[in-house]
Amino acid sequence: MAYETILYETTGAVARLTLNRPQVMNALDRTMFTEIGLALDGAERDDAVRAVVVTGAGRAFCAGVDLRWAQAELRDARAQEEFIRFANSMLLDKIEGLAKPVILAVNGVALAGGFEMVLAADFALAAEDALIGDQHMRYGLIGAGGAPYRLPLVVGLRKAKELILTGRPVTGREAERLGLVNRAVPLGELPAAVDALCAELVDKSPVTMRLSKRLLNRAAMVDLEARLEMAIMAAAVNGASEDYREGLRAFAEKRKPVYTGR
């Protein structure tokens, strides 16, 4: 299948999915969400595939949702809520729910939605100087892709508040120290590190892998669906605010937003 916004190939037992909008730091729009979902479905159905690697083209992994696209297309709270549900179902839910291990090769910037992908994946290996973080707050947005619930499980509540409420990104090295990524290596060593991890995974029983992943996710994410529903509702309320519109305007105009609390 030919894709517009991603590259997809299989090598041996490993499927490799590359986010391919380098001109916008691999920012996500509806087409990219759709194509990622289709590619992950294909990897799920392919019995020859035992592991899936996701990385980014160019200098970024993923800068999150394309805010210029969002400003043009998501004009009201209803449209925003529908899109959040669609985006979660095509990307984060699929990454987390895939029966096969998903490894992220974080080659550069991983912000907002890119950061949420890091949290949803089974493994994340990062370049030491990659910038990783949740920046929704900087633009008057709510991260409804699960970061408020997944992040405290990884770094603890206090550190999660710091990372989400300040929007401060961390380097790959600091992300490794916090447990956000499994390992940070120099950028040039990232492909070999990913290949080594894949080699450890692909010779395991697919049945045991699928069941173990499901058990681990369920143990960690009790009531996740209810929590995500709360996040979606919060994002819809926030999306009706003037502060939300101001955040998007400020991004488009490349200036600091001025929030009024309305």
Protein backbone atom coordinates (compact mmCIF):
# COMPACT_ATOMS: atom_id res chain seq x y z
CA MET A 1 0.00 0.00 0.00
CA ALA A 2 1.28 3.47 -0.90
CA TYR A 3 1.26 6.03 1.91
CA GLU A 4 1.41 9.82 1.75
CA THR A 5 2.72 10.70 5.22
CA ILE A 6 4.58 7.60 6.44
CA LEU A 7 6.99 4.96 5.20
CA TYR A 8 6.38 1.30 6.01
CA GLU A 9 8.56 -1.71 5.34
CA THR A 10 9.32 -5.10 6.82
CA THR A 11 12.77 -6.59 7.25
CA GLY A 12 12.73 -10.15 8.49
CA ALA A 13 10.47 -10.25 11.55
CA VAL A 14 10.54 -6.48 12.13
CA ALA A 15 8.13 -3.91 10.68
CA ARG A 16 9.49 -0.37 10.47
CA LEU A 17 7.17 2.63 10.37
CA THR A 18 8.71 6.05 9.71
CA LEU A 19 6.76 9.26 10.26
CA ASN A 20 7.50 11.14 7.05
CA ARG A 21 6.55 14.81 7.24
CA PRO A 22 10.03 16.17 8.04
CA GLN A 23 9.14 19.64 6.73
CA VAL A 24 6.82 20.07 9.75
CA MET A 25 8.85 17.96 12.21
CA ASN A 26 6.55 15.00 11.53
CA ALA A 27 3.56 16.80 13.02
CA LEU A 28 0.37 14.75 12.98
CA ASP A 29 -2.68 15.56 10.88
CA ARG A 30 -5.74 13.44 10.12
CA THR A 31 -4.08 11.74 7.15
CA MET A 32 -1.05 10.73 9.18
CA PHE A 33 -3.19 9.40 12.04
CA THR A 34 -5.17 7.33 9.53
CA GLU A 35 -2.09 5.97 7.79
CA ILE A 36 -0.34 5.04 11.04
CA GLY A 37 -3.46 3.18 12.14
CA LEU A 38 -3.66 1.30 8.84
CA ALA A 39 0.03 0.37 8.98
CA LEU A 40 -0.26 -0.89 12.56
CA ASP A 41 -3.30 -2.94 11.56
CA GLY A 42 -1.22 -4.45 8.77
CA ALA A 43 1.59 -5.31 11.17
CA GLU A 44 -0.93 -6.91 13.52
CA ARG A 45 -2.28 -9.15 10.75
CA ASP A 46 1.14 -10.13 9.38
CA ASP A 47 2.18 -13.34 11.13
CA ALA A 48 5.77 -12.84 9.95
CA VAL A 49 6.05 -9.61 11.97
CA ARG A 50 7.15 -10.10 15.58
CA ALA A 51 8.05 -6.49 16.50
CA VAL A 52 7.26 -2.98 15.25
CA VAL A 53 9.70 -0.05 15.23
CA VAL A 54 8.44 3.53 14.91
CA THR A 55 10.80 6.43 14.17
CA GLY A 56 10.80 9.82 12.45
CA ALA A 57 12.30 11.15 9.23
CA GLY A 58 14.69 14.08 9.46
CA ARG A 59 15.68 15.80 12.70
CA ALA A 60 12.46 15.16 14.64
CA PHE A 61 10.60 12.14 15.91
CA CYS A 62 7.22 13.87 16.20
CA ALA A 63 6.29 17.39 17.28
CA GLY A 64 2.69 16.44 18.10
CA VAL A 65 -0.46 17.46 16.28
CA ASP A 66 0.02 19.95 13.44
CA LEU A 67 -1.39 23.05 15.15
CA ARG A 68 -1.77 25.00 11.91
CA TRP A 69 -3.91 22.17 10.57
CA ALA A 70 -5.81 22.00 13.88
CA GLN A 71 -6.51 25.73 13.85
CA ALA A 72 -8.04 25.45 10.38
CA GLU A 73 -9.98 22.21 10.87
CA LEU A 74 -10.96 21.94 14.55
CA ARG A 75 -13.05 25.05 14.94
CA ASP A 76 -15.39 24.06 17.76
CA ALA A 77 -15.49 21.83 20.83
CA ARG A 78 -17.51 19.12 19.09
CA ALA A 79 -14.99 18.83 16.25
CA GLN A 80 -12.15 18.72 18.77
CA GLU A 81 -13.79 15.96 20.81
CA GLU A 82 -14.47 13.87 17.70
CA PHE A 83 -10.90 14.28 16.54
CA ILE A 84 -9.41 13.35 19.92
CA ARG A 85 -11.42 10.13 19.97
CA PHE A 86 -10.38 9.38 16.39
CA ALA A 87 -6.71 10.16 17.05
CA ASN A 88 -6.57 8.01 20.17
CA SER A 89 -8.21 5.10 18.37
CA MET A 90 -5.87 5.27 15.37
CA LEU A 91 -2.60 5.87 17.22
CA LEU A 92 -2.17 5.59 20.98
CA ASP A 93 -4.75 2.86 21.59
CA LYS A 94 -3.28 0.84 18.71
CA ILE A 95 0.31 1.23 19.93
CA GLU A 96 -0.62 0.16 23.44
CA GLY A 97 -3.02 -2.58 22.37
CA LEU A 98 -0.97 -4.13 19.56
CA ALA A 99 -0.32 -7.82 20.25
CA LYS A 100 3.32 -7.32 19.24
CA PRO A 101 5.94 -5.20 21.01
CA VAL A 102 6.23 -1.62 19.75
CA ILE A 103 9.65 0.03 20.00
CA LEU A 104 10.07 3.77 19.49
CA ALA A 105 13.39 5.01 18.09
CA VAL A 106 13.22 8.63 19.28
CA ASN A 107 15.68 10.25 16.91
CA GLY A 108 14.87 13.85 17.80
CA VAL A 109 12.12 16.08 19.16
CA ALA A 110 9.21 14.16 20.73
CA LEU A 111 6.70 16.68 22.04
CA ALA A 112 2.98 16.68 22.94
CA GLY A 113 1.49 13.86 20.83
CA GLY A 114 5.01 12.57 20.17
CA PHE A 115 5.57 12.44 23.93
CA GLU A 116 2.28 10.56 24.37
CA MET A 117 3.51 8.01 21.85
CA VAL A 118 6.60 7.47 24.02
CA LEU A 119 4.32 6.75 27.00
CA ALA A 120 2.06 4.37 25.05
CA ALA A 121 4.86 2.30 23.49
CA ASP A 122 6.31 -0.84 25.05
CA PHE A 123 9.89 0.34 24.64
CA ALA A 124 11.50 3.67 23.81
CA LEU A 125 15.14 4.20 22.91
CA ALA A 126 16.25 7.79 22.39
CA ALA A 127 19.11 9.85 21.07
CA GLU A 128 20.92 11.44 24.01
CA ASP A 129 20.19 14.97 22.81
CA ALA A 130 16.56 14.37 21.78
CA LEU A 131 14.06 16.73 23.42
CA ILE A 132 11.13 14.88 24.98
CA GLY A 133 8.18 16.45 26.79
CA ASP A 134 4.53 17.43 26.99
CA GLN A 135 4.00 20.96 25.69
CA HIS A 136 0.20 21.11 25.50
CA MET A 137 0.13 23.56 28.41
CA ARG A 138 2.25 26.08 26.52
CA TYR A 139 -0.47 26.48 23.91
CA GLY A 140 -3.54 26.37 26.13
CA LEU A 141 -4.26 22.72 25.32
CA ILE A 142 -5.18 19.63 27.33
CA GLY A 143 -3.20 16.48 26.62
CA ALA A 144 -6.08 14.03 26.11
CA GLY A 145 -3.92 11.20 24.80
CA GLY A 146 -3.32 9.72 28.22
CA ALA A 147 -0.26 11.64 29.47
CA PRO A 148 -1.99 12.78 32.70
CA TYR A 149 -2.58 9.11 33.55
CA ARG A 150 0.35 7.25 32.02
CA LEU A 151 3.07 9.70 33.08
CA PRO A 152 2.57 9.47 36.89
CA LEU A 153 2.91 5.68 36.61
CA VAL A 154 6.37 6.17 35.12
CA VAL A 155 7.85 9.13 37.00
CA GLY A 156 5.56 9.63 40.01
CA LEU A 157 2.90 12.27 40.57
CA ARG A 158 5.14 15.16 41.62
CA LYS A 159 7.51 14.87 38.65
CA ALA A 160 4.56 14.32 36.31
CA LYS A 161 3.05 17.60 37.48
CA GLU A 162 6.35 19.37 36.84
CA LEU A 163 6.67 18.01 33.32
CA ILE A 164 3.04 18.61 32.30
CA LEU A 165 2.29 21.90 34.08
CA THR A 166 5.55 23.63 33.06
CA GLY A 167 5.78 22.06 29.62
CA ARG A 168 9.53 21.73 30.14
CA PRO A 169 11.12 19.12 27.85
CA VAL A 170 13.99 16.90 28.96
CA THR A 171 16.89 15.48 27.00
CA GLY A 172 17.15 11.83 26.10
CA ARG A 173 19.76 11.43 28.84
CA GLU A 174 17.44 12.87 31.49
CA ALA A 175 14.52 10.87 30.09
CA GLU A 176 16.53 7.69 30.67
CA ARG A 177 17.26 8.75 34.25
CA LEU A 178 13.54 9.39 34.87
CA GLY A 179 12.51 6.09 33.26
CA LEU A 180 10.71 7.79 30.35
CA VAL A 181 12.89 5.86 27.91
CA ASN A 182 14.64 2.54 28.33
CA ARG A 183 17.98 3.76 27.06
CA ALA A 184 19.61 6.88 25.63
CA VAL A 185 22.52 6.58 23.20
CA PRO A 186 24.35 8.86 20.77
CA LEU A 187 22.21 9.43 17.69
CA GLY A 188 24.57 7.48 15.45
CA GLU A 189 24.24 4.42 17.69
CA LEU A 190 20.44 4.48 17.86
CA PRO A 191 19.73 2.14 14.90
CA ALA A 192 22.10 -0.53 16.25
CA ALA A 193 20.61 -0.27 19.74
CA VAL A 194 17.10 -0.70 18.31
CA ASP A 195 18.21 -3.67 16.21
CA ALA A 196 19.76 -5.33 19.26
CA LEU A 197 16.53 -4.96 21.24
CA CYS A 198 14.47 -6.31 18.34
CA ALA A 199 16.75 -9.34 18.15
CA GLU A 200 15.96 -10.08 21.80
CA LEU A 201 12.22 -9.84 21.19
CA VAL A 202 11.52 -11.55 17.88
CA ASP A 203 12.52 -15.06 18.96
CA LYS A 204 10.01 -15.10 21.82
CA SER A 205 6.65 -16.90 21.60
CA PRO A 206 4.09 -14.58 19.95
CA VAL A 207 1.37 -16.06 22.17
CA THR A 208 3.34 -15.49 25.36
CA MET A 209 4.34 -12.01 24.19
CA ARG A 210 0.72 -11.04 23.45
CA LEU A 211 -0.63 -12.33 26.75
CA SER A 212 2.20 -10.89 28.83
CA LYS A 213 1.82 -7.46 27.24
CA ARG A 214 -1.92 -7.53 27.89
CA LEU A 215 -1.44 -8.51 31.54
CA LEU A 216 1.19 -5.83 32.15
CA ASN A 217 -0.93 -3.12 30.54
CA ARG A 218 -4.04 -4.11 32.49
CA ALA A 219 -2.12 -4.18 35.77
CA ALA A 220 -0.78 -0.69 35.14
CA MET A 221 -3.91 0.86 33.63
CA VAL A 222 -6.84 -0.10 35.84
CA ASP A 223 -9.82 2.10 34.87
CA LEU A 224 -7.83 3.71 32.04
CA GLU A 225 -10.90 3.98 29.80
CA ALA A 226 -12.77 5.95 32.45
CA ARG A 227 -9.76 8.19 33.01
CA LEU A 228 -9.32 8.83 29.31
CA GLU A 229 -13.01 9.73 29.05
CA MET A 230 -12.45 12.35 31.75
CA ALA A 231 -9.49 13.73 29.80
CA ILE A 232 -11.51 13.92 26.59
CA MET A 233 -14.30 15.78 28.39
CA ALA A 234 -11.77 18.19 29.89
CA ALA A 235 -10.26 18.78 26.45
CA ALA A 236 -13.72 19.51 25.02
CA VAL A 237 -14.46 22.09 27.75
CA ASN A 238 -11.02 23.63 27.26
CA GLY A 239 -11.56 23.68 23.49
CA ALA A 240 -14.57 25.97 23.93
CA SER A 241 -12.48 28.58 25.77
CA GLU A 242 -10.96 31.79 24.47
CA ASP A 243 -7.63 30.71 25.97
CA TYR A 244 -7.64 27.69 23.64
CA ARG A 245 -8.15 29.92 20.61
CA GLU A 246 -5.49 32.35 21.85
CA GLY A 247 -2.97 29.53 22.23
CA LEU A 248 -3.46 28.45 18.62
CA ARG A 249 -3.33 32.04 17.36
CA ALA A 250 -0.11 32.65 19.26
CA PHE A 251 1.45 29.52 17.80
CA ALA A 252 0.49 30.54 14.25
CA GLU A 253 1.75 34.10 14.83
CA LYS A 254 4.96 32.90 16.55
CA ARG A 255 4.42 34.94 19.70
CA LYS A 256 3.89 34.29 23.38
CA PRO A 257 0.18 33.71 24.18
CA VAL A 258 -1.67 36.15 26.44
CA TYR A 259 -4.23 34.21 28.46
CA THR A 260 -7.28 35.80 30.12
CA GLY A 261 -8.77 32.83 31.96
CA ARG A 262 -11.88 32.80 29.75
